[in-house]
């Protein structure tokens, strides 16, 4: 008797096409994810620890011709006119009570001065405001205010996070 040496079909199938399709799908998802992440504007996160410091900040976002003051839940937006902003950039303001400084900013600085044992001015300074910030820093020094500052991106979003006293992040 002779045996049939012909190859018979096996009872399994090849997984290579399935793996190839799966790898292409994962590659596309990775490409989409990286594209979306690269399109978002970077931001700055400022972390403030409540309870670890004795004084609480009054946040002042400083950029060209716009100042935003954030004290707790209150926020004030100050828009500077060209003449006043030029005086800030050329450091030609004599003192913090100068009529060229907007009244809202004068009141905020006076309030920080009255509560100097519990608050201080914290400036988030954008690059367009660096030149004029030196004038504001000098004026705050004349008022004997404690200040802090942090440079932030010009176009990025600034997020302020308040940590609880027991939180270590």
Protein backbone atom coordinates (compact mmCIF):
# COMPACT_ATOMS: atom_id res chain seq x y z
CA UNK A 1 0.00 0.00 0.00
CA UNK A 2 1.15 3.37 -0.85
CA UNK A 3 0.59 6.40 1.21
CA UNK A 4 -0.64 9.66 -0.17
CA UNK A 5 2.16 12.22 0.36
CA UNK A 6 0.03 15.19 -0.67
CA UNK A 7 -0.15 18.04 1.84
CA UNK A 8 -3.42 18.40 3.59
CA UNK A 9 -4.96 21.65 4.69
CA UNK A 10 -4.44 22.50 8.34
CA UNK A 11 -7.16 23.47 10.77
CA UNK A 12 -5.65 26.85 11.80
CA UNK A 13 -5.52 30.30 10.30
CA UNK A 14 -2.69 32.86 10.12
CA UNK A 15 -2.78 35.75 12.64
CA UNK A 16 -0.29 37.93 10.77
CA UNK A 17 -2.91 40.02 8.88
CA UNK A 18 -4.82 40.65 12.13
CA UNK A 19 -1.65 41.79 13.94
CA UNK A 20 -0.76 44.06 11.01
CA UNK A 21 -4.19 45.72 11.09
CA UNK A 22 -3.95 46.10 14.89
CA UNK A 23 -0.51 47.76 14.63
CA UNK A 24 -1.75 50.18 11.95
CA UNK A 25 -4.74 51.12 14.12
CA UNK A 26 -2.52 51.74 17.18
CA UNK A 27 -0.13 53.82 15.08
CA UNK A 28 -2.97 56.00 13.82
CA UNK A 29 -4.32 56.52 17.34
CA UNK A 30 -0.87 57.47 18.59
CA UNK A 31 -0.44 59.94 15.72
CA UNK A 32 -3.82 61.57 16.44
CA UNK A 33 -3.06 61.83 20.16
CA UNK A 34 0.33 63.45 19.60
CA UNK A 35 -1.15 65.86 17.05
CA UNK A 36 -3.84 67.02 19.46
CA UNK A 37 -1.33 67.47 22.28
CA UNK A 38 1.03 69.49 20.09
CA UNK A 39 -1.78 71.84 19.00
CA UNK A 40 -2.79 72.83 22.53
CA UNK A 41 -1.07 75.88 23.92
CA UNK A 42 1.17 75.20 26.88
CA UNK A 43 0.20 76.75 30.12
CA UNK A 44 1.74 77.63 33.44
CA UNK A 45 0.55 76.19 36.72
CA UNK A 46 1.25 78.21 39.84
CA UNK A 47 0.86 76.16 43.01
CA UNK A 48 0.14 77.97 46.25
CA UNK A 49 0.20 76.10 49.54
CA UNK A 50 -2.44 77.29 51.93
CA UNK A 51 -1.55 76.83 55.54
CA UNK A 52 2.19 76.41 55.02
CA UNK A 53 2.75 80.12 54.71
CA UNK A 54 1.61 82.87 56.98
CA UNK A 55 0.75 85.33 54.21
CA UNK A 56 -1.69 84.71 51.40
CA UNK A 57 -1.05 86.14 47.92
CA UNK A 58 -3.05 88.69 46.02
CA UNK A 59 -2.45 87.60 42.43
CA UNK A 60 -1.68 90.29 39.88
CA UNK A 61 -1.34 89.15 36.28
CA UNK A 62 0.94 91.68 34.60
CA UNK A 63 1.19 92.00 30.82
CA UNK A 64 1.34 94.77 28.25
CA UNK A 65 -1.44 97.30 28.85
CA UNK A 66 -3.62 94.83 30.79
CA UNK A 67 -3.47 94.00 34.48
CA UNK A 68 -5.75 91.47 36.14
CA UNK A 69 -6.03 91.41 39.92
CA UNK A 70 -7.36 88.28 41.58
CA UNK A 71 -8.06 88.42 45.29
CA UNK A 72 -9.96 85.35 46.41
CA UNK A 73 -13.05 85.08 44.24
CA UNK A 74 -12.93 88.72 43.09
CA UNK A 75 -11.24 89.60 39.80
CA UNK A 76 -10.61 93.06 38.39
CA UNK A 77 -9.33 93.83 34.89
CA UNK A 78 -7.40 97.09 34.38
CA UNK A 79 -6.68 98.37 30.88
CA UNK A 80 -3.90 100.96 30.62
CA UNK A 81 -3.91 103.86 28.17
CA UNK A 82 -0.87 104.44 25.98
CA UNK A 83 0.46 107.49 27.83
CA UNK A 84 0.35 105.83 31.25
CA UNK A 85 1.87 102.62 29.95
CA UNK A 86 4.71 104.60 28.36
CA UNK A 87 5.39 106.21 31.77
CA UNK A 88 5.47 102.74 33.34
CA UNK A 89 7.95 101.50 30.74
CA UNK A 90 10.23 104.54 31.02
CA UNK A 91 10.07 104.53 34.83
CA UNK A 92 8.93 108.14 34.95
CA UNK A 93 6.29 107.63 37.64
CA UNK A 94 7.35 109.34 40.86
CA UNK A 95 5.34 107.25 43.34
CA UNK A 96 2.53 104.74 43.76
CA UNK A 97 -0.02 107.49 44.41
CA UNK A 98 0.62 109.06 41.02
CA UNK A 99 -2.61 109.94 39.23
CA UNK A 100 -1.29 108.06 36.20
CA UNK A 101 -1.73 104.73 38.01
CA UNK A 102 -5.29 103.43 37.75
CA UNK A 103 -7.35 103.86 40.90
CA UNK A 104 -8.18 100.13 41.14
CA UNK A 105 -4.48 99.28 41.28
CA UNK A 106 -3.81 102.02 43.82
CA UNK A 107 -6.63 100.67 46.00
CA UNK A 108 -5.35 97.10 45.71
CA UNK A 109 -1.83 98.11 46.69
CA UNK A 110 -3.18 100.15 49.60
CA UNK A 111 -5.26 97.15 50.74
CA UNK A 112 -2.21 94.88 50.63
CA UNK A 113 -0.33 97.50 52.66
CA UNK A 114 -3.09 97.63 55.30
CA UNK A 115 -3.02 93.83 55.60
CA UNK A 116 0.73 93.40 55.22
CA UNK A 117 0.84 90.87 58.06
CA UNK A 118 -1.53 88.47 56.21
CA UNK A 119 -1.11 89.21 52.48
CA UNK A 120 1.44 90.04 49.82
CA UNK A 121 1.42 90.96 46.12
CA UNK A 122 2.26 88.08 43.79
CA UNK A 123 2.86 89.07 40.17
CA UNK A 124 2.57 86.63 37.25
CA UNK A 125 4.59 88.60 34.69
CA UNK A 126 4.30 88.04 30.95
CA UNK A 127 7.28 88.96 28.70
CA UNK A 128 5.44 91.99 27.27
CA UNK A 129 5.25 93.40 30.79
CA UNK A 130 8.86 92.86 31.94
CA UNK A 131 9.94 96.41 31.18
CA UNK A 132 7.09 98.05 33.06
CA UNK A 133 7.18 95.52 35.89
CA UNK A 134 10.46 96.99 37.11
CA UNK A 135 8.65 100.29 37.71
CA UNK A 136 5.85 98.51 39.57
CA UNK A 137 8.38 96.58 41.66
CA UNK A 138 10.07 99.86 42.60
CA UNK A 139 6.73 101.44 43.51
CA UNK A 140 5.81 98.43 45.69
CA UNK A 141 9.18 98.74 47.41
CA UNK A 142 8.41 102.41 48.16
CA UNK A 143 5.17 101.27 49.83
CA UNK A 144 7.09 98.61 51.83
CA UNK A 145 5.01 95.81 50.32
CA UNK A 146 6.14 92.22 50.25
CA UNK A 147 6.04 90.99 46.67
CA UNK A 148 6.76 87.85 44.72
CA UNK A 149 6.84 87.34 41.00
CA UNK A 150 6.97 84.53 38.48
CA UNK A 151 7.51 84.82 34.72
CA UNK A 152 4.80 83.14 32.62
CA UNK A 153 4.35 82.51 28.88
CA UNK A 154 2.95 85.33 26.77
CA UNK A 155 0.08 83.39 25.24
CA UNK A 156 -0.26 80.40 27.52
CA UNK A 157 -2.99 79.95 30.06
CA UNK A 158 -2.12 80.54 33.71
CA UNK A 159 -3.75 78.20 36.20
CA UNK A 160 -3.55 78.80 39.93
CA UNK A 161 -3.88 75.76 42.17
CA UNK A 162 -4.39 76.10 45.89
CA UNK A 163 -3.21 73.12 47.91
CA UNK A 164 -4.87 72.24 51.18
CA UNK A 165 -2.72 72.42 54.32
CA UNK A 166 -2.30 68.61 54.50
CA UNK A 167 -1.77 68.09 50.76
CA UNK A 168 1.84 67.64 49.60
CA UNK A 169 1.46 67.87 45.81
